[in-house]
Protein backbone atom coordinates (compact mmCIF):
# COMPACT_ATOMS: atom_id res chain seq x y z
CA MET A 1 -208.64 -3.19 122.89
CA GLN A 2 -205.78 -3.69 120.45
CA GLN A 3 -203.45 -1.89 122.83
CA ILE A 4 -204.56 -4.19 125.61
CA PHE A 5 -203.99 -7.13 123.32
CA ASN A 6 -200.39 -6.08 122.61
CA SER A 7 -199.41 -5.24 126.20
CA PHE A 8 -201.32 -7.84 128.21
CA MET A 9 -202.13 -11.08 126.30
CA SER A 10 -204.47 -12.22 123.56
CA THR A 11 -208.11 -11.23 124.01
CA GLU A 12 -209.31 -14.76 123.32
CA ASN A 13 -207.10 -16.21 126.06
CA ASN A 14 -208.17 -13.41 128.39
CA LYS A 15 -211.79 -14.38 127.88
CA ARG A 16 -211.04 -18.05 128.43
CA ILE A 17 -209.11 -17.40 131.65
CA ALA A 18 -211.78 -15.00 132.95
CA LYS A 19 -214.58 -17.47 132.16
CA ASN A 20 -212.74 -20.38 133.75
CA THR A 21 -211.85 -18.32 136.81
CA LEU A 22 -215.47 -17.29 137.32
CA MET A 23 -216.60 -20.91 137.13
CA LEU A 24 -213.98 -21.93 139.65
CA TYR A 25 -214.99 -19.10 141.98
CA PHE A 26 -218.59 -20.24 141.81
CA ARG A 27 -217.35 -23.63 142.96
CA MET A 28 -215.17 -22.09 145.63
CA PHE A 29 -217.89 -20.00 147.29
CA ILE A 30 -220.17 -23.03 147.55
CA THR A 31 -217.52 -25.27 149.06
CA MET A 32 -216.19 -22.49 151.32
CA LEU A 33 -219.58 -21.88 152.89
CA VAL A 34 -220.15 -25.58 153.52
CA SER A 35 -216.58 -26.04 154.85
CA LEU A 36 -217.05 -23.31 157.44
CA ILE A 37 -220.22 -25.01 158.65
CA THR A 38 -218.90 -28.58 158.58
CA VAL A 39 -215.54 -27.87 160.33
CA ARG A 40 -217.35 -26.29 163.22
CA ILE A 41 -219.78 -29.22 163.61
CA VAL A 42 -217.08 -31.88 163.08
CA LEU A 43 -214.78 -30.30 165.68
CA ASP A 44 -217.62 -30.01 168.15
CA THR A 45 -218.79 -33.60 167.51
CA LEU A 46 -215.36 -35.27 167.53
CA GLY A 47 -213.79 -33.14 170.21
CA THR A 48 -210.33 -31.55 170.15
CA VAL A 49 -208.39 -34.79 170.80
CA ASP A 50 -210.16 -36.90 168.14
CA TYR A 51 -210.00 -34.06 165.64
CA GLY A 52 -206.26 -33.83 166.25
CA VAL A 53 -205.93 -37.64 165.89
CA TYR A 54 -207.72 -37.55 162.52
CA ASN A 55 -205.58 -34.63 161.39
CA VAL A 56 -202.25 -36.25 162.17
CA VAL A 57 -203.13 -39.88 161.26
CA GLY A 58 -204.71 -38.83 157.97
CA GLY A 59 -201.70 -36.58 157.49
CA MET A 60 -199.40 -39.61 157.74
CA VAL A 61 -201.07 -41.10 154.65
CA MET A 62 -201.08 -37.72 152.94
CA MET A 63 -197.30 -37.68 153.28
CA PHE A 64 -197.25 -40.07 150.37
CA SER A 65 -199.03 -37.43 148.26
CA PHE A 66 -195.57 -36.19 147.18
CA LEU A 67 -195.67 -39.12 144.73
CA SER A 68 -199.16 -38.47 143.41
CA GLY A 69 -198.67 -34.71 143.52
CA THR A 70 -195.54 -35.01 141.44
CA MET A 71 -197.28 -37.15 138.83
CA ALA A 72 -200.31 -34.79 138.83
CA MET A 73 -198.10 -31.85 137.86
CA ALA A 74 -196.32 -33.99 135.30
CA SER A 75 -199.63 -35.15 133.81
CA GLN A 76 -200.97 -31.62 133.51
CA ARG A 77 -197.74 -30.42 131.98
CA PHE A 78 -197.48 -33.19 129.34
CA PHE A 79 -201.21 -33.10 128.50
CA ALA A 80 -201.27 -29.29 128.11
CA PHE A 81 -198.02 -29.38 126.14
CA GLU A 82 -199.42 -31.86 123.59
CA ILE A 83 -202.72 -29.92 123.37
CA GLY A 84 -200.71 -26.74 122.74
CA LYS A 85 -198.94 -28.53 119.85
CA ASN A 86 -202.27 -29.99 118.65
CA ASN A 87 -200.80 -33.51 118.71
CA HIS A 88 -203.79 -35.70 119.59
CA ASP A 89 -202.16 -39.06 118.85
CA GLN A 90 -199.29 -38.37 121.20
CA LEU A 91 -201.75 -37.06 123.79
CA ARG A 92 -203.60 -40.38 123.75
CA LYS A 93 -200.34 -42.34 124.19
CA THR A 94 -199.23 -40.04 127.02
CA PHE A 95 -202.50 -40.54 128.87
CA SER A 96 -202.35 -44.33 128.62
CA ILE A 97 -198.78 -44.61 129.90
CA THR A 98 -199.63 -42.14 132.69
CA ILE A 99 -202.42 -44.44 133.90
CA THR A 100 -199.98 -47.36 133.97
CA ILE A 101 -197.52 -45.33 136.04
CA TYR A 102 -200.27 -44.36 138.50
CA VAL A 103 -201.23 -47.98 139.08
CA ILE A 104 -197.59 -48.75 139.93
CA ILE A 105 -197.51 -45.77 142.31
CA ALA A 106 -200.72 -46.89 144.02
CA LEU A 107 -199.32 -50.37 144.64
CA PHE A 108 -196.07 -48.91 145.98
CA ILE A 109 -197.92 -46.60 148.40
CA LEU A 110 -200.09 -49.51 149.58
CA ILE A 111 -197.01 -51.63 150.43
CA ILE A 112 -195.19 -48.79 152.22
CA SER A 113 -198.32 -47.75 154.12
CA GLU A 114 -199.01 -51.25 155.38
CA THR A 115 -195.44 -51.82 156.56
CA ILE A 116 -193.35 -48.81 157.57
CA GLY A 117 -196.34 -46.50 157.98
CA LEU A 118 -198.27 -48.93 160.18
CA TRP A 119 -195.22 -49.52 162.37
CA PHE A 120 -194.73 -45.78 162.82
CA LEU A 121 -198.38 -45.34 163.82
CA ASN A 122 -198.19 -48.10 166.43
CA HIS A 123 -194.85 -47.24 167.97
CA LYS A 124 -193.98 -43.57 167.44
CA MET A 125 -197.18 -41.49 167.39
CA THR A 126 -198.48 -39.71 170.49
CA ILE A 127 -202.09 -40.92 170.64
CA PRO A 128 -204.16 -41.70 173.77
CA LEU A 129 -204.20 -45.46 174.37
CA GLU A 130 -207.97 -45.65 174.42
CA ARG A 131 -208.14 -44.03 170.92
CA MET A 132 -205.46 -46.20 169.27
CA ALA A 133 -207.95 -48.73 167.85
CA ALA A 134 -209.95 -45.92 166.25
CA ALA A 135 -206.73 -44.37 164.95
CA ARG A 136 -205.88 -47.65 163.20
CA TRP A 137 -209.29 -47.65 161.51
CA VAL A 138 -208.74 -44.06 160.41
CA TYR A 139 -205.37 -44.99 159.01
CA GLN A 140 -206.67 -47.90 156.90
CA LEU A 141 -209.64 -45.91 155.61
CA SER A 142 -207.37 -42.97 154.78
CA ILE A 143 -205.14 -45.32 152.73
CA LEU A 144 -208.10 -46.49 150.68
CA SER A 145 -209.33 -42.94 150.19
CA PHE A 146 -205.89 -41.79 149.12
CA ILE A 147 -205.40 -44.62 146.60
CA MET A 148 -208.83 -43.90 145.15
CA SER A 149 -207.88 -40.23 144.64
CA ILE A 150 -204.51 -41.22 143.08
CA LEU A 151 -206.19 -43.27 140.35
CA SER A 152 -208.43 -40.30 139.46
CA ILE A 153 -205.61 -37.79 138.98
CA PRO A 154 -204.96 -38.47 135.25
CA TYR A 155 -208.65 -37.82 134.55
CA ASN A 156 -208.64 -34.61 136.61
CA ALA A 157 -205.45 -33.53 134.82
CA ALA A 158 -207.16 -34.04 131.46
CA VAL A 159 -210.07 -31.85 132.57
CA ILE A 160 -207.68 -29.09 133.63
CA ALA A 161 -205.50 -29.36 130.51
CA HIS A 162 -208.62 -29.02 128.34
CA GLU A 163 -209.66 -26.02 130.49
CA LYS A 164 -213.14 -27.42 131.25
CA MET A 165 -213.34 -25.64 134.59
CA ASN A 166 -217.16 -25.66 134.62
CA VAL A 167 -216.95 -29.37 135.45
CA TYR A 168 -215.46 -28.48 138.85
CA ALA A 169 -218.36 -26.13 139.52
CA TYR A 170 -220.88 -28.87 138.76
CA VAL A 171 -219.11 -31.51 140.82
CA SER A 172 -218.94 -29.06 143.73
CA ILE A 173 -222.73 -29.36 144.03
CA VAL A 174 -222.29 -33.10 144.58
CA GLU A 175 -219.41 -32.49 147.03
CA VAL A 176 -221.46 -29.98 149.00
CA THR A 177 -224.40 -32.36 149.22
CA LEU A 178 -222.18 -35.21 150.37
CA LYS A 179 -220.46 -33.07 153.00
CA LEU A 180 -223.78 -31.99 154.46
CA ILE A 181 -224.88 -35.63 154.54
CA ILE A 182 -221.62 -36.52 156.32
CA VAL A 183 -222.24 -33.93 159.03
CA TYR A 184 -225.79 -35.14 159.58
CA LEU A 185 -224.83 -38.82 159.74
CA LEU A 186 -221.89 -38.04 162.02
CA VAL A 187 -224.08 -36.22 164.52
CA ILE A 188 -226.78 -38.94 164.68
CA SER A 189 -224.45 -41.95 164.48
CA PRO A 190 -224.38 -44.13 167.64
CA TYR A 191 -221.01 -45.64 166.65
CA ASP A 192 -217.45 -44.37 167.14
CA LYS A 193 -217.63 -40.92 165.57
CA LEU A 194 -213.97 -40.84 164.48
CA VAL A 195 -214.29 -44.12 162.56
CA VAL A 196 -217.63 -43.04 161.08
CA TYR A 197 -216.14 -39.74 159.90
CA ALA A 198 -213.20 -41.48 158.16
CA THR A 199 -215.60 -43.93 156.52
CA LEU A 200 -217.83 -41.14 155.17
CA ILE A 201 -214.80 -39.27 153.82
CA LEU A 202 -213.84 -42.43 151.88
CA PHE A 203 -217.37 -42.63 150.50
CA THR A 204 -217.26 -39.02 149.33
CA THR A 205 -213.85 -39.48 147.66
CA THR A 206 -215.11 -42.57 145.84
CA ILE A 207 -218.21 -40.81 144.45
CA THR A 208 -216.35 -37.71 143.18
CA THR A 209 -213.57 -39.88 141.74
CA PHE A 210 -216.01 -41.83 139.61
CA ILE A 211 -217.76 -38.63 138.44
CA TYR A 212 -214.50 -37.16 137.09
CA ARG A 213 -213.51 -40.49 135.52
CA ILE A 214 -216.88 -40.92 133.73
CA TYR A 215 -216.87 -37.34 132.46
CA ALA A 216 -213.30 -37.55 131.12
CA LYS A 217 -213.89 -40.90 129.40
CA ARG A 218 -217.05 -39.59 127.68
CA ASN A 219 -215.67 -36.22 126.58
CA PHE A 220 -211.95 -36.71 125.81
CA GLN A 221 -210.93 -39.41 123.37
CA GLU A 222 -207.48 -39.83 124.91
CA CYS A 223 -209.02 -40.82 128.26
CA ASN A 224 -210.18 -44.22 127.04
CA TYR A 225 -207.31 -46.29 128.40
CA SER A 226 -205.59 -48.99 126.38
CA PHE A 227 -202.28 -50.45 127.46
CA TYR A 228 -199.41 -48.68 125.75
CA TRP A 229 -195.71 -48.80 126.50
CA ASN A 230 -193.01 -46.54 125.16
CA THR A 231 -189.71 -46.64 127.02
CA PRO A 232 -188.41 -43.22 125.86
CA LEU A 233 -191.73 -41.55 126.83
CA PHE A 234 -191.76 -43.44 130.15
CA LYS A 235 -188.21 -42.24 130.88
CA GLU A 236 -189.10 -38.68 129.87
CA ILE A 237 -192.10 -38.59 132.22
CA LEU A 238 -190.15 -40.21 135.04
CA SER A 239 -187.16 -37.94 134.50
CA TYR A 240 -189.43 -34.88 134.68
CA SER A 241 -191.29 -36.37 137.67
CA GLY A 242 -188.06 -37.51 139.39
CA TRP A 243 -186.78 -33.99 139.96
CA ASN A 244 -190.28 -32.75 140.61
CA LEU A 245 -190.53 -35.48 143.22
CA PHE A 246 -187.79 -33.84 145.25
CA GLY A 247 -189.68 -30.54 145.32
CA SER A 248 -192.92 -32.28 146.27
CA LEU A 249 -191.19 -34.19 149.06
CA ALA A 250 -189.95 -30.87 150.46
CA GLY A 251 -193.51 -29.54 150.50
CA ILE A 252 -194.82 -32.67 152.22
CA MET A 253 -192.12 -32.52 154.92
CA LYS A 254 -192.87 -28.84 155.44
CA ASN A 255 -196.57 -29.52 156.03
CA HIS A 256 -197.28 -33.10 157.15
CA GLY A 257 -193.77 -33.74 158.44
CA ILE A 258 -193.96 -30.71 160.77
CA ASN A 259 -197.42 -31.90 161.86
CA ILE A 260 -195.91 -35.23 162.97
CA LEU A 261 -193.10 -33.42 164.81
CA LEU A 262 -195.65 -31.31 166.69
CA ASN A 263 -197.54 -34.51 167.60
CA ILE A 264 -194.38 -36.12 168.97
CA PHE A 265 -193.41 -33.05 171.02
CA PHE A 266 -196.82 -31.66 172.05
CA GLY A 267 -199.59 -34.23 171.34
CA PRO A 268 -202.85 -34.18 169.37
CA THR A 269 -204.21 -30.94 170.90
CA VAL A 270 -201.61 -28.87 169.04
CA ASN A 271 -202.34 -30.92 165.90
CA ALA A 272 -206.01 -29.91 166.22
CA ALA A 273 -205.04 -26.21 166.44
CA ARG A 274 -202.73 -26.49 163.46
CA GLY A 275 -205.33 -28.45 161.50
CA ILE A 276 -207.96 -25.72 162.03
CA ALA A 277 -205.46 -23.00 161.10
CA PHE A 278 -204.67 -24.80 157.84
CA GLN A 279 -208.41 -25.26 157.17
CA VAL A 280 -208.82 -21.48 157.30
CA ASN A 281 -205.70 -21.02 155.19
CA ASN A 282 -206.92 -23.55 152.61
CA LEU A 283 -210.19 -21.67 152.27
CA LEU A 284 -208.35 -18.42 151.64
CA GLU A 285 -205.82 -19.99 149.27
CA ARG A 286 -208.66 -21.25 147.07
CA PHE A 287 -208.98 -17.67 145.79
CA VAL A 288 -205.49 -18.08 144.32
CA GLN A 289 -205.71 -21.79 143.47
CA ASN A 290 -208.87 -21.33 141.39
CA PHE A 291 -207.30 -18.46 139.46
CA MET A 292 -204.10 -20.41 138.87
CA THR A 293 -205.99 -23.53 137.79
CA ALA A 294 -207.42 -21.39 134.97
CA VAL A 295 -204.07 -19.73 134.17
CA ARG A 296 -201.67 -22.68 134.45
CA PRO A 297 -202.54 -24.39 131.13
CA GLN A 298 -202.07 -21.10 129.27
CA ILE A 299 -198.56 -20.62 130.71
CA ILE A 300 -197.57 -24.09 129.52
CA LYS A 301 -199.14 -23.58 126.08
CA TYR A 302 -197.36 -20.23 125.61
CA TYR A 303 -194.06 -21.95 126.30
CA ALA A 304 -194.92 -24.89 123.98
CA SER A 305 -195.68 -22.41 121.14
CA ASN A 306 -192.56 -20.34 121.98
CA GLU A 307 -194.50 -17.13 122.71
CA MET A 308 -192.06 -15.89 125.35
CA GLY A 309 -193.28 -12.31 125.42
CA LEU A 310 -196.84 -13.40 126.22
CA LEU A 311 -195.45 -15.94 128.72
CA HIS A 312 -193.56 -13.23 130.65
CA ARG A 313 -196.57 -10.91 130.65
CA LEU A 314 -198.90 -13.66 131.89
CA VAL A 315 -196.51 -14.60 134.71
CA PHE A 316 -196.31 -10.92 135.75
CA GLN A 317 -200.07 -10.49 135.72
CA SER A 318 -200.95 -13.78 137.37
CA SER A 319 -198.36 -13.25 140.16
CA LYS A 320 -199.79 -9.85 140.96
CA PHE A 321 -203.40 -10.96 140.79
CA SER A 322 -202.62 -14.02 142.94
CA PHE A 323 -201.33 -11.71 145.62
CA PHE A 324 -204.36 -9.44 145.41
CA LEU A 325 -206.86 -12.31 145.36
CA LEU A 326 -205.37 -13.66 148.60
CA ILE A 327 -204.74 -10.39 150.47
CA ILE A 328 -208.31 -9.08 150.06
CA PRO A 329 -210.07 -11.91 151.98
CA ALA A 330 -207.03 -12.50 154.25
CA PHE A 331 -206.77 -8.92 155.53
CA PRO A 332 -209.91 -8.88 157.72
CA VAL A 333 -209.13 -12.42 158.95
CA LEU A 334 -205.69 -11.29 160.09
CA LEU A 335 -207.11 -8.26 161.91
CA GLU A 336 -210.10 -9.96 163.57
CA THR A 337 -208.88 -13.56 163.96
CA LYS A 338 -209.95 -13.91 167.59
CA PHE A 339 -213.45 -12.57 167.05
CA ILE A 340 -213.97 -14.74 163.92
CA PHE A 341 -213.06 -17.87 165.86
CA SER A 342 -215.36 -16.87 168.73
CA LEU A 343 -218.23 -16.71 166.22
CA TRP A 344 -217.21 -19.84 164.36
CA LEU A 345 -216.17 -22.38 167.03
CA LYS A 346 -217.76 -23.29 170.34
CA GLU A 347 -214.35 -24.11 171.83
CA ILE A 348 -211.16 -22.38 170.59
CA PRO A 349 -208.09 -24.66 170.92
CA ASP A 350 -204.83 -23.21 172.25
CA TYR A 351 -202.45 -21.77 169.64
CA VAL A 352 -205.11 -21.69 166.90
CA ILE A 353 -205.29 -17.87 166.66
CA LEU A 354 -201.53 -17.39 166.39
CA PHE A 355 -201.15 -20.39 164.07
CA THR A 356 -203.81 -18.99 161.77
CA ARG A 357 -202.19 -15.56 161.50
CA LEU A 358 -198.73 -16.99 160.84
CA VAL A 359 -199.87 -19.51 158.24
CA ILE A 360 -201.77 -16.75 156.37
CA ILE A 361 -198.65 -14.54 156.35
CA ASN A 362 -196.72 -17.47 154.93
CA ALA A 363 -199.40 -18.01 152.28
CA ILE A 364 -199.29 -14.33 151.26
CA ILE A 365 -195.57 -14.60 150.57
CA ASP A 366 -196.08 -17.86 148.68
CA SER A 367 -198.91 -16.36 146.56
CA TYR A 368 -196.31 -15.08 144.06
CA THR A 369 -194.70 -18.46 143.56
CA SER A 370 -197.25 -20.55 141.66
CA PRO A 371 -196.92 -18.67 138.33
CA LEU A 372 -193.14 -18.67 138.70
CA GLY A 373 -193.06 -22.39 139.45
CA THR A 374 -195.42 -23.21 136.59
CA SER A 375 -193.26 -21.34 134.09
CA ALA A 376 -190.18 -23.19 135.30
CA LEU A 377 -191.91 -26.58 135.11
CA ALA A 378 -193.21 -25.77 131.61
CA THR A 379 -189.64 -25.80 130.29
CA GLY A 380 -189.06 -29.40 131.44
CA LYS A 381 -185.56 -28.32 132.60
CA ILE A 382 -186.29 -28.60 136.26
CA LYS A 383 -183.25 -30.32 137.75
CA ASN A 384 -181.55 -27.21 139.16
CA TYR A 385 -184.86 -25.59 140.02
CA GLN A 386 -186.02 -28.51 142.18
CA LEU A 387 -182.62 -29.14 143.70
CA ILE A 388 -182.27 -25.56 144.87
CA ILE A 389 -185.89 -24.68 145.77
CA GLY A 390 -186.69 -28.16 147.10
CA GLY A 391 -183.43 -28.25 149.03
CA PHE A 392 -184.14 -25.00 150.83
CA ALA A 393 -187.82 -25.92 151.46
CA LEU A 394 -186.69 -29.27 152.87
CA LEU A 395 -184.74 -27.40 155.56
CA ASN A 396 -188.07 -26.68 157.27
CA PHE A 397 -188.08 -30.15 158.80
CA PRO A 398 -184.54 -30.45 160.30
CA ILE A 399 -184.42 -26.83 161.48
CA SER A 400 -187.85 -27.20 163.12
CA PHE A 401 -186.74 -30.43 164.79
CA ILE A 402 -183.69 -28.70 166.21
CA PHE A 403 -185.71 -25.78 167.55
CA LEU A 404 -188.36 -28.03 169.10
CA LYS A 405 -185.66 -30.24 170.60
CA LEU A 406 -184.15 -27.13 172.19
CA GLY A 407 -187.47 -26.37 173.87
CA TYR A 408 -188.89 -23.69 171.55
CA SER A 409 -192.67 -23.21 171.21
CA PRO A 410 -194.84 -24.81 168.49
CA GLN A 411 -195.14 -21.52 166.59
CA SER A 412 -191.37 -21.45 166.03
CA THR A 413 -191.94 -23.92 163.18
CA MET A 414 -194.05 -21.30 161.37
CA TYR A 415 -191.49 -18.51 161.84
CA ILE A 416 -188.94 -20.80 160.23
CA SER A 417 -191.33 -21.52 157.36
CA ILE A 418 -191.89 -17.80 156.72
CA ALA A 419 -188.15 -17.10 156.60
CA ILE A 420 -187.51 -19.95 154.17
CA ALA A 421 -190.47 -18.88 151.99
CA ILE A 422 -188.94 -15.41 151.53
CA THR A 423 -185.58 -16.97 150.62
CA CYS A 424 -187.16 -19.36 148.10
CA LEU A 425 -189.01 -16.49 146.37
CA GLY A 426 -185.71 -14.79 145.62
CA LEU A 427 -184.11 -18.02 144.44
CA ARG A 428 -187.01 -18.75 142.05
CA LEU A 429 -186.47 -15.43 140.31
CA ILE A 430 -182.75 -16.03 139.88
CA ILE A 431 -183.33 -19.50 138.41
CA LEU A 432 -186.03 -18.26 136.01
CA LYS A 433 -183.67 -15.63 134.65
CA GLY A 434 -181.49 -18.44 133.34
CA LEU A 435 -184.34 -20.68 132.20
CA ILE A 436 -186.57 -18.27 130.24
CA SER A 437 -184.57 -14.97 130.32
CA PHE A 438 -186.99 -13.72 132.95
CA PRO A 439 -186.71 -9.94 133.69
CA VAL A 440 -186.10 -10.19 137.46
CA LYS A 441 -185.60 -6.51 138.21
CA LYS A 442 -188.73 -5.54 136.32
CA TYR A 443 -190.68 -8.23 138.16
CA ILE A 444 -189.53 -7.04 141.59
CA ASN A 445 -190.41 -3.42 140.79
CA ASN A 446 -193.67 -3.97 138.91
CA VAL A 447 -195.05 -6.94 140.81
CA VAL A 448 -193.57 -7.44 144.30
CA LEU A 449 -192.92 -3.85 145.36
CA ARG A 450 -195.94 -2.45 143.58
CA SER A 451 -198.35 -5.00 145.10
CA PHE A 452 -196.98 -4.59 148.59
CA SER A 453 -196.95 -0.81 148.45
CA SER A 454 -200.55 -0.76 147.22
CA THR A 455 -201.70 -2.52 150.40
CA LEU A 456 -199.97 -0.26 152.94
CA PRO A 457 -202.51 2.66 152.85
CA SER A 458 -205.27 0.15 153.62
CA PHE A 459 -203.93 -0.43 157.15
CA ILE A 460 -204.71 3.08 158.39
CA VAL A 461 -208.49 3.15 158.84
CA PRO A 462 -208.93 -0.46 160.07
CA SER A 463 -206.10 0.06 162.58
CA ILE A 464 -207.81 3.18 163.96
CA ILE A 465 -211.07 1.26 164.36
CA LEU A 466 -209.29 -1.61 166.13
CA LEU A 467 -207.64 0.81 168.58
CA THR A 468 -210.73 2.88 169.36
CA LEU A 469 -213.55 0.30 169.58
CA GLU A 470 -214.04 -2.68 171.89
CA GLU A 471 -214.25 -6.14 170.35
CA SER A 472 -217.78 -6.62 169.01
CA PHE A 473 -219.74 -7.64 165.96
CA ILE A 474 -220.09 -3.98 164.94
CA ARG A 475 -216.27 -3.52 165.09
CA PHE A 476 -215.83 -6.67 163.03
CA ILE A 477 -218.18 -5.36 160.32
CA LEU A 478 -216.48 -1.96 160.29
CA VAL A 479 -212.98 -3.41 160.16
CA SER A 480 -213.90 -5.93 157.42
CA ALA A 481 -215.80 -3.37 155.28
CA SER A 482 -213.14 -0.65 155.58
CA SER A 483 -210.18 -3.01 155.01
CA ILE A 484 -211.74 -4.59 151.88
CA THR A 485 -212.97 -1.24 150.50
CA PHE A 486 -209.66 0.57 150.97
CA LEU A 487 -207.72 -2.46 149.65
CA ILE A 488 -209.73 -2.58 146.44
CA CYS A 489 -209.42 1.18 145.90
CA SER A 490 -205.69 1.13 146.67
CA ILE A 491 -205.10 -1.86 144.39
CA PHE A 492 -206.90 -0.21 141.52
CA LEU A 493 -205.17 3.19 141.97
CA ILE A 494 -201.66 1.98 142.86
CA GLY A 495 -201.36 -1.74 142.23
CA LEU A 496 -202.63 -1.96 138.66
CA SER A 497 -200.85 -0.62 135.60
CA LYS A 498 -202.65 1.54 133.02
CA THR A 499 -203.38 -1.37 130.69
CA GLU A 500 -204.54 -3.55 133.60
CA LYS A 501 -206.97 -0.83 134.67
CA GLN A 502 -208.31 -0.61 131.09
CA PHE A 503 -208.77 -4.34 130.95
CA ALA A 504 -210.52 -4.42 134.36
CA ILE A 505 -212.90 -1.60 133.35
CA GLN A 506 -213.70 -3.28 130.01
CA PHE A 507 -214.33 -6.61 131.72
CA ILE A 508 -216.62 -5.07 134.39
CA LYS A 509 -218.56 -3.08 131.80
CA LYS A 510 -219.06 -6.18 129.71
CA LYS A 511 -220.35 -8.15 132.66
CA MET A 512 -222.70 -5.32 133.58
CA ASN A 513 -223.81 -4.91 129.94
CA LEU A 514 -222.71 -1.30 129.92
CA ASN A 515 -220.90 -1.26 126.56
């Protein structure tokens, strides 16, 4: 194990990351199962048009999440940094000033939402006239839900920074129960189903927000807020957040901005298809997100303690594993998308199959980027990183607008997104070389090329099955089983290095009580 310690990372941190990842996967499987059930029932109950209205109107409010998302990343970074330096007094001060900043952000979002946002909803959105009153209710309820979630972010960030991932697994039980209650109440409700759905979502957000807040206040001393003001610290957090804000804005315009464009050019039916495609993608991306939630604090702490060798190794490993964790569940979905939707939904909206395949391909490319981005953000020197990466990502919106204006199809926006994602991956590596002396050539050879090449042999058997058998449940089982089996074997034989194989074997043996 000493060899593994020297070439991979410390055994203690390995155990912590593995334990936290397992807890997060427990949470994910519960929420994934319930999400698959609830999306089907909600779509069937609301109908395609109302589902599309909720997706785009709620998305308008979510456009402001670039502010809260920026501060969430800043909170996690500053909290984990102070924990890594074992500076508890500064941690307490940082938490208190972060809460103050979040209150200011919440007030700002409320003002913008009730002025510019409300005007845009009433005068620019493509919504059937008879559903406009319900859309306004959805908008107001979405604002309240969003503000509630904003005020909980510092507490969630504290949980993540302290690596208490089991809390998410426990809260998932509450979330699952509430989602099932929502579905039941939605089906039996005699009132406007769209308004009822938005109301129940607000109720769920409120309950989970208070659970995280109560847990953090009881378990972390720094989470007991008392007003504190420090202008240099305030400027440092805002300076970090300011450049991060630009990158977050680019992400919001790429997702929710494109959604609004599609509504303007094609109406709520296309929004419904895109919304379902992103629901599937979000379920698959949880495999990566849960892993990175466990890894992210360690990356920041390695940088804070100046352990650059371990930092590089962890970025290599987490990038590769992120790719593998996404490609394994995504592969059968890509191959049997049509059949999966025929089993899942009663009515399949137009474009949803193509949208789903394209958004998954985009996500596979982006799976490398979270460890790279985290290591860049850990340095605090993010001006050039966000200007370059955010600038290129922001091009999604104007380029998509031009293509749609010229009469191109809705899926053209996703082809543009894929091309820009590939470009940004290369740019991230170049920037990291200057920030943390990142070995770019070694990363491309050992991570990108190795991970891609390890998946190629897995196409052979599933492709033969697809070509020789008619679409059926038996073919779906055969394609899924063969693709996952061959992927796992190929990843182990080709994708993993010698030390990674040793670590995987040791970990599996330990879990099976074989050593």
